Amino acid sequence: MTMAAGKITDILSGRQWQQVLERDAEADGKFFYAVRSTGIVCRPTCPSRRPAKTNVQFFSTLAEALKAGFRPCRRCHPERTTPAPDPQAAAVARAARYIKEHAGERVTTHELADIAGINRLALHRAFRRIFGVSPAQYIRQQRLKTFTNTIKESTMRVTDAIYDAGFGSSSRLYENSGARLGMTPREMKNGAFGITIRYTIAESPLGRMLVAATEKGICTIAFGEDNSEVLEALHQNFPQAELVAETPKTGWLAEAVRFITSQMSEHPAAATFPLDVRATAFQQRVWQALQEIPRGETRNYSQLAAEIGSPSSTRAVASACARNPVAVIIPCHRVIGKDGSLTGYRWGTDRKRRLLEAEKKVARFS
């Protein structure tokens, strides 16, 4: 195998592992993963505890895994054409379809329960289990999606789009959007053109580090082996923004670099920096819970799901951690597997290990 082919294989395996961690339903049928220590092959969405990545082997087809000597999992049944559906999936689907069809109207949970054919409590639990959010949060997300699509795809005035999406006023839109929009409605209508993001790249204990900020706050923190790698992460997050490179010696951005770097050392600085990140209501809950994990401690995905009051949303919690755009400040590195393994980390498990070791050292002597 050539070096180029090997790198492509590594990238593909990394993506597949992340999909396994997130129990990504879209990955079902596209590949299978086998666990060498148990001799079992599973779907990416298997509800069983995640193994250590070093014990995992990926296969394009189930036949390949069976030929290699692995046996089908009895929980996710990879040999079946489709996985066993959630017992209330049909009810939730009816409610979700009704919400989307009436996105510009006021919808109550009483109505949804009647449409779904189950009681309100069962509906609430099923929504959290399947979508990771409550029915009310799902309604708000659909309103925001309706507004976003309307403002981007039509010539409708911003105020008209606000009311058409079901918000009673512009203040209600901002109240519900908050950090989720990450920009004003006018900026969204213009396709994010005109938004200036200043960034700097510096050396850190974890390699090259990019810190980027809008006028509202930090929007991206990325790590990589070289400048091109961290710049690519910024371009992916903000493909239409005006990116301005800086090499500040003083000022707010320089302070942010020093603060973030200090968090990886034995002497972390105490400071709070404003953030300008886009997130759903569920992601906000997860990220807030991450920031409340004490330095030197860790949680697994199930524990984090329980702490935000959604114990069956382990997959959604893993997905929210994976989509964290500001490493270190929102410490998704403090989430590990149930078996103590480091599991995945967007910036590499070696960086995750070093961060945790530094934090534990500080905790011991503080």
Protein backbone atom coordinates (compact mmCIF):
# COMPACT_ATOMS: atom_id res chain seq x y z
CA MET A 1 0.00 0.00 0.00
CA THR A 2 1.34 3.44 -0.94
CA MET A 3 1.64 6.26 1.60
CA ALA A 4 -1.21 8.14 -0.11
CA ALA A 5 -3.48 5.09 -0.05
CA GLY A 6 -2.61 4.50 3.59
CA LYS A 7 -3.52 8.06 4.51
CA ILE A 8 -6.87 7.77 2.71
CA THR A 9 -7.58 4.53 4.59
CA ASP A 10 -6.74 6.20 7.91
CA ILE A 11 -9.05 9.15 7.15
CA LEU A 12 -11.88 6.78 6.15
CA SER A 13 -11.43 4.70 9.31
CA GLY A 14 -11.45 7.87 11.39
CA ARG A 15 -14.77 8.94 9.89
CA GLN A 16 -16.26 5.50 10.35
CA TRP A 17 -15.14 5.41 13.99
CA GLN A 18 -16.77 8.81 14.60
CA GLN A 19 -20.00 7.50 13.07
CA VAL A 20 -19.82 4.50 15.38
CA LEU A 21 -19.32 6.79 18.39
CA GLU A 22 -22.32 8.87 17.33
CA ARG A 23 -24.40 5.80 16.39
CA ASP A 24 -25.07 7.57 13.10
CA ALA A 25 -28.17 6.02 11.50
CA GLU A 26 -27.04 7.17 8.04
CA ALA A 27 -24.04 4.84 8.32
CA ASP A 28 -26.17 1.69 8.70
CA GLY A 29 -25.66 -0.59 5.72
CA LYS A 30 -22.63 1.37 4.46
CA PHE A 31 -20.14 -0.51 6.64
CA PHE A 32 -19.88 -2.79 9.67
CA TYR A 33 -17.48 -2.83 12.58
CA ALA A 34 -16.12 -5.90 14.34
CA VAL A 35 -14.59 -6.18 17.80
CA ARG A 36 -11.55 -8.44 17.95
CA SER A 37 -11.79 -9.03 21.71
CA THR A 38 -15.35 -10.40 21.50
CA GLY A 39 -15.41 -11.78 17.95
CA ILE A 40 -18.67 -9.91 17.22
CA VAL A 41 -19.64 -7.77 14.23
CA CYS A 42 -22.12 -4.90 14.66
CA ARG A 43 -23.98 -2.15 12.88
CA PRO A 44 -22.67 1.43 13.44
CA THR A 45 -25.87 2.10 15.44
CA CYS A 46 -25.50 -0.86 17.80
CA PRO A 47 -26.64 0.19 21.33
CA SER A 48 -23.94 -1.87 23.04
CA ARG A 49 -21.07 -0.25 24.92
CA ARG A 50 -18.42 1.12 22.62
CA PRO A 51 -15.17 -0.91 22.50
CA ALA A 52 -11.65 0.47 22.50
CA LYS A 53 -10.79 1.72 19.03
CA THR A 54 -7.67 -0.47 18.95
CA ASN A 55 -9.94 -3.56 19.05
CA VAL A 56 -12.11 -2.43 16.14
CA GLN A 57 -11.90 -3.55 12.52
CA PHE A 58 -14.09 -2.12 9.74
CA PHE A 59 -15.69 -4.08 6.88
CA SER A 60 -17.53 -2.85 3.80
CA THR A 61 -19.96 -5.79 3.89
CA LEU A 62 -21.24 -8.20 6.49
CA ALA A 63 -20.09 -11.12 4.33
CA GLU A 64 -16.47 -9.95 4.65
CA ALA A 65 -16.77 -9.82 8.44
CA LEU A 66 -18.35 -13.27 8.63
CA LYS A 67 -15.65 -14.68 6.35
CA ALA A 68 -13.05 -13.22 8.73
CA GLY A 69 -14.57 -15.28 11.55
CA PHE A 70 -16.79 -12.75 13.32
CA ARG A 71 -20.34 -13.61 14.40
CA PRO A 72 -23.41 -11.31 14.23
CA CYS A 73 -24.28 -9.26 17.30
CA ARG A 74 -27.47 -10.38 19.08
CA ARG A 75 -28.40 -6.81 20.01
CA CYS A 76 -28.27 -4.98 16.68
CA HIS A 77 -28.67 -8.04 14.38
CA PRO A 78 -26.54 -6.88 11.43
CA GLU A 79 -27.81 -9.84 9.38
CA ARG A 80 -31.26 -8.27 9.19
CA THR A 81 -32.06 -6.03 6.25
CA THR A 82 -33.19 -3.25 8.57
CA PRO A 83 -32.69 -2.79 12.32
CA ALA A 84 -35.60 -3.27 14.70
CA PRO A 85 -37.44 0.08 14.88
CA ASP A 86 -38.14 1.99 18.06
CA PRO A 87 -41.57 0.82 19.31
CA GLN A 88 -42.88 4.39 19.19
CA ALA A 89 -41.04 5.49 16.07
CA ALA A 90 -44.26 5.62 14.01
CA ALA A 91 -45.97 7.80 16.62
CA VAL A 92 -43.03 10.18 16.76
CA ALA A 93 -42.87 10.27 12.97
CA ARG A 94 -46.53 11.33 12.81
CA ALA A 95 -45.90 14.08 15.36
CA ALA A 96 -42.73 15.26 13.61
CA ARG A 97 -44.49 15.36 10.23
CA TYR A 98 -47.31 17.40 11.76
CA ILE A 99 -44.80 19.86 13.25
CA LYS A 100 -43.08 20.34 9.89
CA GLU A 101 -46.39 20.78 8.06
CA HIS A 102 -47.50 23.41 10.61
CA ALA A 103 -44.12 25.07 11.24
CA GLY A 104 -45.64 28.53 10.94
CA GLU A 105 -48.45 27.82 13.39
CA ARG A 106 -48.75 27.42 17.13
CA VAL A 107 -48.57 23.72 17.98
CA THR A 108 -49.19 22.39 21.50
CA THR A 109 -48.03 19.13 23.04
CA HIS A 110 -51.70 18.21 23.59
CA GLU A 111 -52.25 18.38 19.82
CA LEU A 112 -49.10 16.35 19.17
CA ALA A 113 -50.12 13.65 21.63
CA ASP A 114 -53.49 13.34 19.89
CA ILE A 115 -51.83 13.19 16.46
CA ALA A 116 -49.28 10.63 17.65
CA GLY A 117 -51.88 8.51 19.43
CA ILE A 118 -49.91 8.24 22.68
CA ASN A 119 -49.99 10.21 25.93
CA ARG A 120 -47.90 13.36 26.44
CA LEU A 121 -45.37 11.74 28.78
CA ALA A 122 -44.75 8.84 26.39
CA LEU A 123 -44.41 11.31 23.51
CA HIS A 124 -41.93 13.43 25.48
CA ARG A 125 -39.78 10.41 26.30
CA ALA A 126 -39.94 9.06 22.76
CA PHE A 127 -38.87 12.41 21.27
CA ARG A 128 -35.88 12.56 23.61
CA ARG A 129 -35.00 8.97 22.81
CA ILE A 130 -35.19 9.37 19.03
CA PHE A 131 -34.31 13.03 18.44
CA GLY A 132 -32.46 13.89 21.65
CA VAL A 133 -34.72 16.90 22.34
CA SER A 134 -38.20 17.48 23.75
CA PRO A 135 -41.20 18.11 21.47
CA ALA A 136 -41.13 21.82 22.41
CA GLN A 137 -37.45 22.10 21.48
CA TYR A 138 -38.10 20.25 18.22
CA ILE A 139 -40.87 22.74 17.40
CA ARG A 140 -38.51 25.66 18.00
CA GLN A 141 -35.84 24.05 15.82
CA GLN A 142 -38.33 23.63 12.96
CA ARG A 143 -39.37 27.28 13.27
CA LEU A 144 -35.73 28.33 13.06
CA LYS A 145 -35.21 26.04 10.06
CA THR A 146 -38.27 27.50 8.33
CA PHE A 147 -37.02 31.02 8.97
CA THR A 148 -33.50 30.17 7.78
CA ASN A 149 -34.72 28.56 4.55
CA THR A 150 -37.18 31.36 3.86
CA ILE A 151 -34.69 34.16 4.39
CA LYS A 152 -32.00 32.48 2.28
CA GLU A 153 -34.15 31.30 -0.63
CA SER A 154 -36.58 34.16 -1.18
CA THR A 155 -36.80 37.91 -1.54
CA MET A 156 -39.16 38.14 1.44
CA ARG A 157 -38.41 40.88 3.93
CA VAL A 158 -36.79 39.77 7.18
CA THR A 159 -39.78 40.89 9.27
CA ASP A 160 -42.20 38.99 7.03
CA ALA A 161 -40.07 35.85 7.24
CA ILE A 162 -40.04 36.09 11.05
CA TYR A 163 -43.85 36.04 11.24
CA ASP A 164 -44.15 33.46 8.46
CA ALA A 165 -41.96 31.08 10.50
CA GLY A 166 -44.32 31.31 13.46
CA PHE A 167 -42.45 33.75 15.70
CA GLY A 168 -44.66 36.39 17.28
CA SER A 169 -42.04 39.10 16.95
CA SER A 170 -38.38 39.67 16.11
CA SER A 171 -37.56 39.57 19.82
CA ARG A 172 -39.03 36.06 20.01
CA LEU A 173 -36.78 35.00 17.13
CA TYR A 174 -33.66 36.28 18.88
CA GLU A 175 -34.81 34.76 22.18
CA ASN A 176 -35.19 31.35 20.53
CA SER A 177 -32.14 31.57 18.31
CA GLY A 178 -29.46 32.94 20.62
CA ALA A 179 -26.18 31.29 19.76
CA ARG A 180 -27.94 28.81 17.50
CA LEU A 181 -28.06 31.20 14.57
CA GLY A 182 -24.57 32.54 15.19
CA MET A 183 -25.42 35.62 13.07
CA THR A 184 -28.22 38.11 12.66
CA PRO A 185 -31.16 37.48 10.29
CA ARG A 186 -29.87 40.21 7.97
CA GLU A 187 -26.47 38.54 7.78
CA MET A 188 -28.16 35.21 7.06
CA LYS A 189 -30.17 36.79 4.24
CA ASN A 190 -26.92 38.03 2.70
CA GLY A 191 -25.41 34.56 2.83
CA ALA A 192 -22.98 35.58 5.63
CA PHE A 193 -21.13 37.88 3.27
CA GLY A 194 -19.57 40.80 5.08
CA ILE A 195 -18.90 38.95 8.34
CA THR A 196 -15.27 39.47 9.28
CA ILE A 197 -13.49 36.75 11.20
CA ARG A 198 -10.03 37.53 12.51
CA TYR A 199 -7.75 34.64 13.24
CA THR A 200 -4.24 33.90 14.34
CA ILE A 201 -2.17 30.72 14.26
CA ALA A 202 0.30 29.97 17.02
CA GLU A 203 2.35 27.14 18.44
CA SER A 204 0.85 25.31 21.41
CA PRO A 205 1.61 22.22 23.53
CA LEU A 206 -0.75 20.35 21.17
CA GLY A 207 0.80 21.50 17.89
CA ARG A 208 -0.37 24.31 15.61
CA MET A 209 -3.40 26.09 17.04
CA LEU A 210 -5.80 28.44 15.28
CA VAL A 211 -7.96 30.85 17.30
CA ALA A 212 -10.62 32.78 15.37
CA ALA A 213 -13.15 35.34 16.52
CA THR A 214 -15.95 37.54 15.25
CA GLU A 215 -16.66 40.86 16.90
CA LYS A 216 -18.95 38.94 19.31
CA GLY A 217 -16.47 36.35 20.53
CA ILE A 218 -14.42 33.24 19.80
CA CYS A 219 -15.98 31.14 17.03
CA THR A 220 -13.33 28.52 16.27
CA ILE A 221 -10.40 26.82 17.98
CA ALA A 222 -8.63 24.22 15.88
CA PHE A 223 -5.52 22.06 16.21
CA GLY A 224 -3.41 20.45 13.53
CA GLU A 225 0.04 19.48 12.35
CA ASP A 226 0.49 22.55 10.16
CA ASN A 227 -1.12 25.87 9.22
CA SER A 228 -2.98 24.49 6.20
CA GLU A 229 -4.75 21.89 8.33
CA VAL A 230 -6.11 24.37 10.87
CA LEU A 231 -7.03 26.87 8.15
CA GLU A 232 -9.06 24.19 6.39
CA ALA A 233 -11.11 23.70 9.58
CA LEU A 234 -11.88 27.43 9.64
CA HIS A 235 -12.86 27.48 5.95
CA GLN A 236 -15.21 24.56 6.50
CA ASN A 237 -16.98 26.35 9.35
CA PHE A 238 -17.23 29.73 7.59
CA PRO A 239 -16.91 29.24 3.82
CA GLN A 240 -18.36 32.66 2.90
CA ALA A 241 -16.91 34.85 5.64
CA GLU A 242 -14.10 37.37 5.17
CA LEU A 243 -11.11 35.81 6.91
CA VAL A 244 -8.40 38.17 8.13
CA ALA A 245 -5.08 36.79 9.36
CA GLU A 246 -3.44 38.57 12.28
CA THR A 247 -0.24 38.14 14.25
CA PRO A 248 -1.20 40.04 17.40
CA LYS A 249 1.31 40.70 20.16
CA THR A 250 -1.22 42.49 22.32
CA GLY A 251 -4.98 42.86 22.46
CA TRP A 252 -7.98 40.60 22.91
CA LEU A 253 -7.03 37.90 20.39
CA ALA A 254 -3.52 37.63 21.85
CA GLU A 255 -5.02 37.27 25.33
CA ALA A 256 -7.30 34.51 24.05
CA VAL A 257 -4.31 32.61 22.64
CA ARG A 258 -2.45 32.90 25.95
CA PHE A 259 -5.53 31.79 27.90
CA ILE A 260 -6.21 28.74 25.72
CA THR A 261 -2.53 27.75 25.81
CA SER A 262 -2.53 28.05 29.60
CA GLN A 263 -5.36 25.53 29.83
CA MET A 264 -2.97 22.88 28.52
CA SER A 265 -0.30 23.61 31.12
CA GLU A 266 0.20 23.14 34.84
CA HIS A 267 -0.80 26.72 35.55
CA PRO A 268 -4.13 27.48 33.87
CA ALA A 269 -5.25 31.09 33.79
CA ALA A 270 -8.62 32.10 35.18
CA ALA A 271 -10.54 34.00 32.52
CA THR A 272 -13.83 33.96 30.67
CA PHE A 273 -14.05 34.77 26.98
CA PRO A 274 -17.30 35.36 25.08
CA LEU A 275 -18.22 32.80 22.43
CA ASP A 276 -19.96 33.25 19.09
CA VAL A 277 -20.93 29.70 18.16
CA ARG A 278 -23.96 28.23 16.43
CA ALA A 279 -25.75 25.43 18.22
CA THR A 280 -29.11 23.71 18.52
CA ALA A 281 -30.92 23.75 21.85
CA PHE A 282 -29.68 20.22 22.56
CA GLN A 283 -26.08 21.07 21.68
CA GLN A 284 -26.23 24.05 24.01
CA ARG A 285 -27.33 21.81 26.88
CA VAL A 286 -24.52 19.35 26.20
CA TRP A 287 -21.87 22.06 25.87
CA GLN A 288 -23.02 23.71 29.10
CA ALA A 289 -22.76 20.35 30.88
CA LEU A 290 -19.25 19.88 29.49
CA GLN A 291 -18.17 23.22 30.94
CA GLU A 292 -19.46 22.13 34.35
CA ILE A 293 -17.22 19.04 34.51
CA PRO A 294 -14.49 19.92 37.05
CA ARG A 295 -10.90 20.04 35.83
CA GLY A 296 -9.23 16.69 36.43
CA GLU A 297 -12.50 14.75 36.14
CA THR A 298 -14.13 12.93 33.24
CA ARG A 299 -17.56 11.63 32.28
CA ASN A 300 -18.69 8.99 29.83
CA TYR A 301 -21.37 9.67 27.24
CA SER A 302 -24.08 7.90 29.25
CA GLN A 303 -23.27 9.92 32.38
CA LEU A 304 -23.35 13.17 30.42
CA ALA A 305 -26.70 12.22 28.88
CA ALA A 306 -28.08 11.53 32.36
CA GLU A 307 -26.74 14.85 33.69
CA ILE A 308 -28.68 16.83 31.07
CA GLY A 309 -31.84 14.89 31.90
CA SER A 310 -31.86 12.81 28.72
CA PRO A 311 -30.39 9.39 29.66
CA SER A 312 -31.40 7.69 26.41
CA SER A 313 -29.70 10.29 24.20
CA THR A 314 -26.16 8.91 24.36
CA ARG A 315 -25.76 8.98 20.59
CA ALA A 316 -26.98 12.58 20.35
CA VAL A 317 -24.61 13.58 23.16
CA ALA A 318 -21.68 12.04 21.29
CA SER A 319 -22.74 13.91 18.16
CA ALA A 320 -22.92 17.22 20.06
CA CYS A 321 -19.42 16.64 21.45
CA ALA A 322 -18.10 15.91 17.96
CA ARG A 323 -19.55 19.19 16.65
CA ASN A 324 -17.93 21.38 19.31
CA PRO A 325 -16.18 24.16 17.33
CA VAL A 326 -14.14 25.59 20.22
CA ALA A 327 -11.81 22.97 21.64
CA VAL A 328 -10.55 23.33 25.22
CA ILE A 329 -12.95 26.15 26.16
CA ILE A 330 -15.84 23.73 25.73
CA PRO A 331 -13.95 20.71 27.11
CA CYS A 332 -15.35 17.82 25.08
CA HIS A 333 -12.02 16.07 25.74
CA ARG A 334 -13.34 15.30 29.24
CA VAL A 335 -15.76 12.72 27.86
CA ILE A 336 -14.42 9.16 27.64
CA GLY A 337 -15.77 5.66 27.06
CA LYS A 338 -17.45 3.60 29.77
CA ASP A 339 -14.43 1.32 29.83
CA GLY A 340 -12.09 4.25 30.40
CA SER A 341 -10.87 4.37 26.79
CA LEU A 342 -10.31 7.76 25.21
CA THR A 343 -12.73 6.99 22.32
CA GLY A 344 -12.67 9.57 19.54
CA TYR A 345 -11.57 13.20 19.51
CA ARG A 346 -11.78 15.53 16.55
CA TRP A 347 -8.19 16.72 17.06
CA GLY A 348 -6.72 13.27 17.75
CA THR A 349 -6.71 11.00 20.78
CA ASP A 350 -3.07 11.83 21.54
CA ARG A 351 -4.02 15.48 22.09
CA LYS A 352 -6.97 14.34 24.20
CA ARG A 353 -4.69 12.20 26.37
CA ARG A 354 -2.22 15.06 26.89
CA LEU A 355 -5.00 17.47 27.83
CA LEU A 356 -6.43 15.07 30.41
CA GLU A 357 -2.99 14.33 31.88
CA ALA A 358 -2.26 18.06 32.28
CA GLU A 359 -5.63 18.67 33.93
CA LYS A 360 -5.22 15.77 36.35
CA LYS A 361 -1.79 17.03 37.33
CA VAL A 362 -3.23 20.46 38.11
CA ALA A 363 -6.12 18.93 40.08
CA ARG A 364 -3.75 16.91 42.27
CA PHE A 365 -1.82 19.96 43.40
CA SER A 366 -4.63 22.47 43.62
